Amino acid sequence: MQARHRWTLLAVLACLATVVVALQGRPTAAAATPLTVAQAVATQNGSTATVRGYVVGQPTATTTVVRANYPNDYALALADSAAETNTSRMVYVQITTSFRAGYGLRSNPSLLGAQLDVTGSLTAYFAHPGLTSTTAFARTGTPPTSTTTTTTTTTTTQPGGGNDDYYRAALGKTGPMLKTALNQIIRTNSKLSYDQVWDALKATDEDPANPNNVILVYSGRSQSKSSNGGGVNDWNREHVWAKSHGDFGTATGPGTDLHHLRPEDVSVNSDRGNKDFDEGGSPVAEAPGNYTDADSWEPRDAVKGDVARMIFYMDVRYEGGDGYVDLDVNDSVNNGTRPNIGRLSTLLRWNAEDPPDAFERHRNDVIFDRYQHNRNPFVDHPEWAASIWG
């Protein structure tokens, strides 16, 4: 019996040895190799990927990357070389909230020149090849010992949604001259009646995932196109630049301009009323992520930049020279019926923090192609807001 047990044990050990040898010889799945920045720039298809590159500064506009005096911790630019200065060879990285303390350049300026692996969605950011909705950051490799430290800007004649022929008269201008040039470009537009706005919004704000629905601007809810009207839980036409600010009502012109009209739940629209835009207040029960107090409204994060760019458009489009009211954004709240809306400093920050996304750019295209035949220049060139008001 002892001999039999001994042979049984030897047989078991032999089998285990065979399994071990087999496992050792089996190829293992290799970790996915990070993309280079060049590959990331060429693969802007919304897929999730890890990108490896050197930190070369912070993007502040489509064609501007700064390497000092960082304004915030919201973004960084990666390149395949730590000395790269051409923004067309960079990928702009959105730094989501949980990573800002560790990887934002204002808080961590020594990251300049460091090599990072960043995971996110290969999606445009600041209307530029980007990596958004980031989920992982890791420092890797050894940073080069010498990098350039100059502030970098490149030409202003590339992005803009491919619409720089449209803006040709404005290119190269800044400040008041830029504002005047943009007004001359966008003021020649087709006008809609207020009734026509209903059908137009069903096209401009169509839910990409459900063509029978629209997306409500503050609520973020996808709702049937046919449920528009004045009843409870219907959607109606929200004037983002409140129509009482300048008392232009719903007459053709600023009262029917699609660039600032959006679908919204009837009661949420009423809650917003004619309040200026600023941060703070109490949560809005029917529109999670929005806040309000006695004199201001804070929209959800995903549309903060959208709101800012709609306000900037209205200021530039309506200058009082074509029979319409002269609208001006200012740095106040409680503007009442004056032709002003604020708060400018908050709106400028929102414009920088929430760059145009695919939905906003598509909306701009639909308004241009099918309805008014003019564009919101701040969707195509968000950097122009700081040039005019910064």
Protein backbone atom coordinates (compact mmCIF):
# COMPACT_ATOMS: atom_id res chain seq x y z
CA MET A 1 0.00 0.00 0.00
CA GLN A 2 2.80 2.43 0.80
CA ALA A 3 4.40 1.79 -2.62
CA ARG A 4 1.05 2.41 -4.34
CA HIS A 5 0.60 5.74 -2.51
CA ARG A 6 4.15 6.72 -3.40
CA TRP A 7 3.55 6.07 -7.12
CA THR A 8 0.26 7.95 -6.99
CA LEU A 9 1.99 10.97 -5.42
CA LEU A 10 4.75 10.86 -8.04
CA ALA A 11 2.16 10.75 -10.79
CA VAL A 12 0.37 13.81 -9.39
CA LEU A 13 3.63 15.74 -9.11
CA ALA A 14 4.52 14.82 -12.69
CA CYS A 15 1.18 16.16 -13.91
CA LEU A 16 1.64 19.40 -11.99
CA ALA A 17 5.10 19.83 -13.47
CA THR A 18 3.67 19.36 -16.95
CA VAL A 19 1.00 22.02 -16.28
CA VAL A 20 3.62 24.47 -14.97
CA VAL A 21 5.85 23.95 -18.00
CA ALA A 22 2.87 24.44 -20.30
CA LEU A 23 1.84 27.64 -18.57
CA GLN A 24 5.38 28.99 -18.66
CA GLY A 25 5.55 28.38 -22.37
CA ARG A 26 2.19 29.97 -23.15
CA PRO A 27 2.40 33.56 -24.47
CA THR A 28 0.78 36.16 -22.18
CA ALA A 29 -1.39 39.05 -23.32
CA ALA A 30 0.76 42.13 -23.58
CA ALA A 31 -0.49 45.44 -22.18
CA ALA A 32 -1.70 47.78 -24.87
CA THR A 33 1.08 50.03 -26.08
CA PRO A 34 0.27 53.72 -25.50
CA LEU A 35 -0.38 55.78 -28.60
CA THR A 36 2.10 58.44 -29.60
CA VAL A 37 0.77 61.97 -29.79
CA ALA A 38 0.98 61.84 -33.57
CA GLN A 39 -1.22 58.73 -33.55
CA ALA A 40 -3.68 60.39 -31.16
CA VAL A 41 -3.93 63.46 -33.39
CA ALA A 42 -4.70 61.22 -36.37
CA THR A 43 -7.26 59.07 -34.49
CA GLN A 44 -9.92 61.48 -33.26
CA ASN A 45 -12.76 58.97 -33.41
CA GLY A 46 -14.12 59.04 -29.85
CA SER A 47 -12.44 55.76 -28.85
CA THR A 48 -10.74 55.32 -25.49
CA ALA A 49 -6.96 55.15 -25.54
CA THR A 50 -3.83 55.81 -23.51
CA VAL A 51 -1.55 58.45 -24.99
CA ARG A 52 2.10 58.94 -24.05
CA GLY A 53 3.70 62.33 -24.50
CA TYR A 54 5.66 65.16 -22.96
CA VAL A 55 3.91 68.04 -21.20
CA VAL A 56 4.57 71.11 -23.36
CA GLY A 57 2.23 73.64 -21.74
CA GLN A 58 -1.40 74.55 -21.22
CA PRO A 59 -3.79 75.19 -24.12
CA THR A 60 -5.78 78.38 -23.66
CA ALA A 61 -7.28 78.53 -27.16
CA THR A 62 -7.39 76.51 -30.36
CA THR A 63 -3.93 77.60 -31.50
CA THR A 64 -2.41 78.94 -28.28
CA VAL A 65 -0.38 77.01 -25.69
CA VAL A 66 1.31 78.82 -22.81
CA ARG A 67 4.38 77.55 -20.96
CA ALA A 68 4.25 79.91 -17.98
CA ASN A 69 1.67 81.90 -15.97
CA TYR A 70 -0.84 79.06 -16.22
CA PRO A 71 -4.40 80.37 -15.74
CA ASN A 72 -5.88 77.23 -14.12
CA ASP A 73 -5.57 73.45 -13.73
CA TYR A 74 -8.09 72.39 -16.36
CA ALA A 75 -5.94 71.36 -19.35
CA LEU A 76 -2.46 70.46 -20.58
CA ALA A 77 -0.88 69.83 -23.96
CA LEU A 78 1.17 66.74 -24.84
CA ALA A 79 3.64 66.32 -27.70
CA ASP A 80 6.10 63.67 -28.85
CA SER A 81 8.96 66.07 -28.12
CA ALA A 82 9.34 68.19 -25.00
CA ALA A 83 10.58 71.05 -27.18
CA GLU A 84 7.61 71.00 -29.59
CA THR A 85 6.14 74.44 -30.41
CA ASN A 86 3.75 73.62 -33.25
CA THR A 87 0.25 73.13 -31.84
CA SER A 88 -0.75 70.99 -34.83
CA ARG A 89 1.58 68.32 -33.42
CA MET A 90 0.06 68.48 -29.93
CA VAL A 91 -2.93 66.81 -28.34
CA TYR A 92 -4.92 68.90 -25.86
CA VAL A 93 -5.81 67.00 -22.68
CA GLN A 94 -8.84 67.79 -20.54
CA ILE A 95 -7.94 67.33 -16.87
CA THR A 96 -11.04 66.06 -15.13
CA THR A 97 -11.78 67.23 -11.59
CA SER A 98 -10.18 64.37 -9.66
CA PHE A 99 -6.79 64.84 -11.37
CA ARG A 100 -6.46 68.64 -11.27
CA ALA A 101 -4.62 68.80 -7.94
CA GLY A 102 -1.99 66.33 -9.14
CA TYR A 103 -1.64 67.20 -12.83
CA GLY A 104 -2.90 70.75 -13.32
CA LEU A 105 -0.07 73.05 -14.39
CA ARG A 106 -0.99 75.99 -12.21
CA SER A 107 -0.63 73.74 -9.15
CA ASN A 108 2.24 71.68 -10.61
CA PRO A 109 4.34 73.89 -12.92
CA SER A 110 7.28 71.47 -12.56
CA LEU A 111 5.36 69.01 -14.76
CA LEU A 112 6.50 70.96 -17.81
CA GLY A 113 8.73 68.53 -19.73
CA ALA A 114 7.54 65.46 -17.84
CA GLN A 115 6.43 62.40 -19.79
CA LEU A 116 2.93 61.19 -18.97
CA ASP A 117 0.60 58.36 -19.90
CA VAL A 118 -2.97 59.69 -20.01
CA THR A 119 -6.12 57.68 -20.69
CA GLY A 120 -9.26 59.26 -22.10
CA SER A 121 -11.49 59.71 -25.13
CA LEU A 122 -9.88 60.71 -28.44
CA THR A 123 -12.20 63.65 -28.94
CA ALA A 124 -11.62 67.28 -29.93
CA TYR A 125 -10.93 69.76 -27.12
CA PHE A 126 -10.80 73.52 -27.74
CA ALA A 127 -11.77 72.62 -31.35
CA HIS A 128 -8.38 70.87 -31.57
CA PRO A 129 -7.31 67.20 -31.52
CA GLY A 130 -7.84 66.23 -27.93
CA LEU A 131 -8.11 63.67 -25.16
CA THR A 132 -11.22 64.29 -23.08
CA SER A 133 -13.10 62.67 -20.17
CA THR A 134 -9.76 61.51 -18.80
CA THR A 135 -9.73 58.56 -16.40
CA ALA A 136 -6.04 57.97 -15.64
CA PHE A 137 -2.78 59.91 -15.44
CA ALA A 138 0.65 58.42 -14.76
CA ARG A 139 4.14 59.84 -14.89
CA THR A 140 6.56 57.66 -16.87
CA GLY A 141 10.08 57.77 -18.27
CA THR A 142 12.63 60.43 -17.50
CA PRO A 143 11.90 64.04 -18.41
CA PRO A 144 14.45 65.62 -20.73
CA THR A 145 16.94 67.88 -19.01
CA SER A 146 16.43 70.89 -21.28
CA THR A 147 13.24 72.33 -22.68
CA THR A 148 12.27 75.65 -24.15
CA THR A 149 10.29 77.93 -21.84
CA THR A 150 8.87 80.50 -24.21
CA THR A 151 5.18 81.29 -24.57
CA THR A 152 3.98 79.67 -27.78
CA THR A 153 1.37 80.77 -30.26
CA THR A 154 0.93 79.58 -33.80
CA THR A 155 -1.02 80.86 -36.76
CA THR A 156 -4.66 81.85 -36.41
CA THR A 157 -5.55 80.66 -39.88
CA GLN A 158 -6.19 77.00 -39.28
CA PRO A 159 -9.03 75.73 -37.07
CA GLY A 160 -12.43 77.38 -36.74
CA GLY A 161 -14.38 74.41 -37.92
CA GLY A 162 -12.97 74.87 -41.41
CA ASN A 163 -14.80 78.21 -41.64
CA ASP A 164 -11.95 80.68 -41.78
CA ASP A 165 -12.97 81.81 -45.26
CA TYR A 166 -16.18 82.98 -43.59
CA TYR A 167 -14.13 84.91 -41.03
CA ARG A 168 -11.48 86.18 -43.43
CA ALA A 169 -12.19 89.85 -42.65
CA ALA A 170 -11.70 89.21 -38.92
CA LEU A 171 -8.52 87.13 -38.98
CA GLY A 172 -5.54 88.83 -37.39
CA LYS A 173 -7.64 91.43 -35.57
CA THR A 174 -8.00 91.77 -31.80
CA GLY A 175 -10.07 93.73 -29.29
CA PRO A 176 -12.62 96.29 -30.58
CA MET A 177 -11.44 95.88 -34.19
CA LEU A 178 -12.16 92.14 -33.99
CA LYS A 179 -15.60 92.78 -32.49
CA THR A 180 -16.50 95.23 -35.25
CA ALA A 181 -15.30 92.88 -37.97
CA LEU A 182 -17.31 89.97 -36.53
CA ASN A 183 -20.44 92.12 -36.30
CA GLN A 184 -20.14 92.96 -39.99
CA ILE A 185 -19.79 89.28 -40.84
CA ILE A 186 -22.64 87.82 -38.78
CA ARG A 187 -25.23 90.62 -38.98
CA THR A 188 -26.27 89.66 -42.52
CA ASN A 189 -28.53 86.75 -41.69
CA SER A 190 -31.95 85.38 -42.49
CA LYS A 191 -34.63 85.98 -39.87
CA LEU A 192 -37.29 83.63 -38.52
CA SER A 193 -40.67 84.31 -37.01
CA TYR A 194 -41.26 83.20 -33.45
CA ASP A 195 -43.57 80.43 -34.68
CA GLN A 196 -40.88 79.14 -37.04
CA VAL A 197 -38.53 78.78 -34.06
CA TRP A 198 -40.51 75.74 -32.83
CA ASP A 199 -39.62 73.61 -35.84
CA ALA A 200 -36.09 74.99 -36.08
CA LEU A 201 -35.29 73.95 -32.51
CA LYS A 202 -36.42 70.42 -33.31
CA ALA A 203 -33.56 70.31 -35.82
CA THR A 204 -30.87 72.35 -34.06
CA ASP A 205 -31.24 70.56 -30.71
CA GLU A 206 -32.09 67.07 -31.91
CA ASP A 207 -30.85 64.29 -29.65
CA PRO A 208 -28.04 62.52 -31.59
CA ALA A 209 -29.10 59.23 -29.99
CA ASN A 210 -32.83 59.64 -30.70
CA PRO A 211 -33.99 61.70 -33.70
CA ASN A 212 -37.51 61.88 -32.23
CA ASN A 213 -36.27 63.92 -29.27
CA VAL A 214 -34.56 67.18 -28.40
CA ILE A 215 -32.06 67.81 -25.59
CA LEU A 216 -33.21 70.39 -23.04
CA VAL A 217 -30.44 72.89 -22.43
CA TYR A 218 -30.46 73.22 -18.63
CA SER A 219 -32.16 69.96 -17.66
CA GLY A 220 -30.09 67.86 -20.06
CA ARG A 221 -33.16 65.70 -20.52
CA SER A 222 -33.99 64.03 -23.83
CA GLN A 223 -37.63 64.77 -24.56
CA SER A 224 -40.05 64.12 -27.40
CA LYS A 225 -40.06 66.81 -30.08
CA SER A 226 -43.84 66.70 -30.09
CA SER A 227 -44.16 67.58 -26.38
CA ASN A 228 -43.57 71.29 -26.96
CA GLY A 229 -46.06 73.82 -25.65
CA GLY A 230 -47.06 75.38 -22.37
CA GLY A 231 -48.26 72.47 -20.28
CA VAL A 232 -46.63 70.91 -17.25
CA ASN A 233 -43.45 69.07 -18.32
CA ASP A 234 -43.74 70.36 -21.90
CA TRP A 235 -40.73 72.10 -23.37
CA ASN A 236 -40.78 75.68 -24.64
CA ARG A 237 -38.41 78.28 -26.09
CA GLU A 238 -35.82 79.55 -23.63
CA HIS A 239 -34.20 82.91 -24.39
CA VAL A 240 -30.69 82.45 -23.00
CA TRP A 241 -30.20 86.21 -23.29
CA ALA A 242 -33.37 86.97 -21.33
CA LYS A 243 -35.69 88.96 -23.60
CA SER A 244 -36.45 91.49 -20.86
CA HIS A 245 -32.75 92.50 -20.86
CA GLY A 246 -33.24 95.12 -23.56
CA ASP A 247 -37.00 94.55 -23.77
CA PHE A 248 -36.85 93.04 -27.26
CA GLY A 249 -39.58 90.48 -26.62
CA THR A 250 -40.27 87.86 -29.29
CA ALA A 251 -40.21 90.15 -32.30
CA THR A 252 -38.18 89.04 -35.31
CA GLY A 253 -34.50 89.75 -34.66
CA PRO A 254 -32.95 89.19 -31.23
CA GLY A 255 -36.24 87.71 -30.01
CA THR A 256 -36.12 84.93 -32.61
CA ASP A 257 -32.37 84.43 -33.06
CA LEU A 258 -31.67 80.70 -32.93
CA HIS A 259 -28.14 81.21 -31.68
CA HIS A 260 -29.51 81.91 -28.20
CA LEU A 261 -32.86 80.10 -28.26
CA ARG A 262 -32.91 76.59 -26.76
CA PRO A 263 -35.56 74.03 -25.74
CA GLU A 264 -36.20 73.82 -22.01
CA ASP A 265 -38.77 72.42 -19.60
CA VAL A 266 -41.56 74.95 -19.02
CA SER A 267 -41.14 75.15 -15.25
CA VAL A 268 -37.32 75.19 -15.38
CA ASN A 269 -37.56 78.02 -17.91
CA SER A 270 -39.79 79.84 -15.46
CA ASP A 271 -37.37 79.19 -12.59
CA ARG A 272 -34.55 80.75 -14.58
CA GLY A 273 -36.76 83.71 -15.52
CA ASN A 274 -34.63 86.69 -16.50
CA LYS A 275 -31.78 86.09 -14.06
CA ASP A 276 -28.21 86.90 -15.01
CA PHE A 277 -25.58 84.17 -15.04
CA ASP A 278 -23.23 83.57 -12.12
CA GLU A 279 -22.22 80.80 -9.72
CA GLY A 280 -23.87 79.76 -6.50
CA GLY A 281 -27.28 79.35 -4.99
CA SER A 282 -29.51 76.38 -4.24
CA PRO A 283 -29.93 73.28 -6.43
CA VAL A 284 -32.74 73.38 -8.98
CA ALA A 285 -34.92 70.35 -8.22
CA GLU A 286 -36.07 69.69 -11.79
CA ALA A 287 -32.66 70.36 -13.35
CA PRO A 288 -29.87 68.61 -11.40
CA GLY A 289 -26.53 70.37 -11.66
CA ASN A 290 -28.12 73.83 -11.98
CA TYR A 291 -28.15 76.34 -9.13
CA THR A 292 -30.04 79.57 -8.57
CA ASP A 293 -30.49 82.37 -6.09
CA ALA A 294 -32.37 85.66 -6.10
CA ASP A 295 -30.38 87.27 -8.90
CA SER A 296 -28.46 84.62 -10.84
CA TRP A 297 -28.57 81.24 -12.55
CA GLU A 298 -25.74 78.70 -12.79
CA PRO A 299 -26.28 76.09 -15.53
CA ARG A 300 -24.97 72.54 -15.38
CA ASP A 301 -21.27 72.09 -16.15
CA ALA A 302 -21.84 70.52 -19.58
CA VAL A 303 -23.41 73.70 -20.99
CA LYS A 304 -21.64 76.46 -19.09
CA GLY A 305 -19.46 77.24 -22.09
CA ASP A 306 -22.45 76.97 -24.45
CA VAL A 307 -24.28 79.62 -22.41
CA ALA A 308 -21.25 81.91 -22.40
CA ARG A 309 -20.78 81.67 -26.15
CA MET A 310 -24.47 82.38 -26.80
CA ILE A 311 -24.22 85.53 -24.69
CA PHE A 312 -21.04 86.64 -26.48
CA TYR A 313 -22.73 86.09 -29.84
CA MET A 314 -25.71 88.27 -28.87
CA ASP A 315 -23.43 91.10 -27.72
CA VAL A 316 -21.49 91.07 -31.00
CA ARG A 317 -24.47 90.51 -33.32
CA TYR A 318 -26.71 93.24 -31.83
CA GLU A 319 -24.76 96.48 -31.77
CA GLY A 320 -27.68 98.83 -32.40
CA GLY A 321 -26.66 99.75 -35.94
CA ASP A 322 -29.38 97.90 -37.85
CA GLY A 323 -32.50 98.98 -36.00
CA TYR A 324 -32.20 96.44 -33.19
CA VAL A 325 -31.30 97.06 -29.57
CA ASP A 326 -27.62 97.43 -28.65
CA LEU A 327 -26.84 94.53 -26.28
CA ASP A 328 -23.78 94.51 -24.02
CA VAL A 329 -22.50 91.89 -21.60
CA ASN A 330 -21.21 93.36 -18.33
CA ASP A 331 -19.78 92.16 -15.03
CA SER A 332 -22.95 92.68 -13.01
CA VAL A 333 -26.07 90.85 -11.97
CA ASN A 334 -29.47 92.42 -11.33
CA ASN A 335 -29.37 94.11 -14.73
CA GLY A 336 -33.17 94.18 -14.90
CA THR A 337 -34.54 95.59 -18.16
CA ARG A 338 -31.31 97.30 -19.18
CA PRO A 339 -29.81 95.86 -22.41
CA ASN A 340 -27.09 94.16 -20.39
CA ILE A 341 -26.45 90.71 -18.96
CA GLY A 342 -23.71 89.31 -16.76
CA ARG A 343 -21.57 88.25 -15.13
CA LEU A 344 -18.82 88.71 -17.72
CA SER A 345 -15.93 87.40 -15.62
CA THR A 346 -17.87 84.21 -14.87
CA LEU A 347 -18.87 83.74 -18.51
CA LEU A 348 -15.27 84.13 -19.68
CA ARG A 349 -14.20 81.45 -17.22
CA TRP A 350 -16.99 79.12 -18.35
CA ASN A 351 -15.95 79.63 -21.97
CA ALA A 352 -12.43 78.47 -21.09
CA GLU A 353 -13.48 75.59 -18.85
CA ASP A 354 -16.10 74.11 -21.17
CA PRO A 355 -14.90 74.31 -24.80
CA PRO A 356 -17.30 73.62 -27.70
CA ASP A 357 -18.28 69.97 -28.07
CA ALA A 358 -19.65 68.06 -31.06
CA PHE A 359 -23.28 68.89 -30.19
CA GLU A 360 -22.60 72.63 -30.04
CA ARG A 361 -20.58 72.64 -33.26
CA HIS A 362 -23.27 70.64 -35.07
CA ARG A 363 -25.91 73.10 -33.83
CA ASN A 364 -23.87 76.00 -35.23
CA ASP A 365 -23.66 74.22 -38.58
CA VAL A 366 -27.41 73.54 -38.75
CA ILE A 367 -28.27 77.18 -38.02
CA PHE A 368 -25.81 78.30 -40.69
CA ASP A 369 -26.77 75.74 -43.34
CA ARG A 370 -30.55 75.56 -42.93
CA TYR A 371 -31.89 78.62 -41.15
CA GLN A 372 -30.11 81.90 -40.48
CA HIS A 373 -27.01 81.44 -42.65
CA ASN A 374 -24.77 83.04 -40.06
CA ARG A 375 -22.52 81.47 -37.45
CA ASN A 376 -21.67 81.95 -33.79
CA PRO A 377 -17.99 82.91 -34.08
CA PHE A 378 -17.26 81.92 -30.49
CA VAL A 379 -18.17 78.30 -31.21
CA ASP A 380 -15.70 78.28 -34.11
CA HIS A 381 -13.09 80.40 -32.30
CA PRO A 382 -13.67 80.36 -28.51
CA GLU A 383 -10.35 82.18 -28.04
CA TRP A 384 -11.88 85.33 -29.54
CA ALA A 385 -13.90 85.94 -26.36
CA ALA A 386 -10.73 86.62 -24.35
CA SER A 387 -9.39 88.78 -27.19
CA ILE A 388 -12.46 91.02 -27.04
CA TRP A 389 -13.31 91.03 -23.34
CA GLY A 390 -10.36 89.43 -21.54
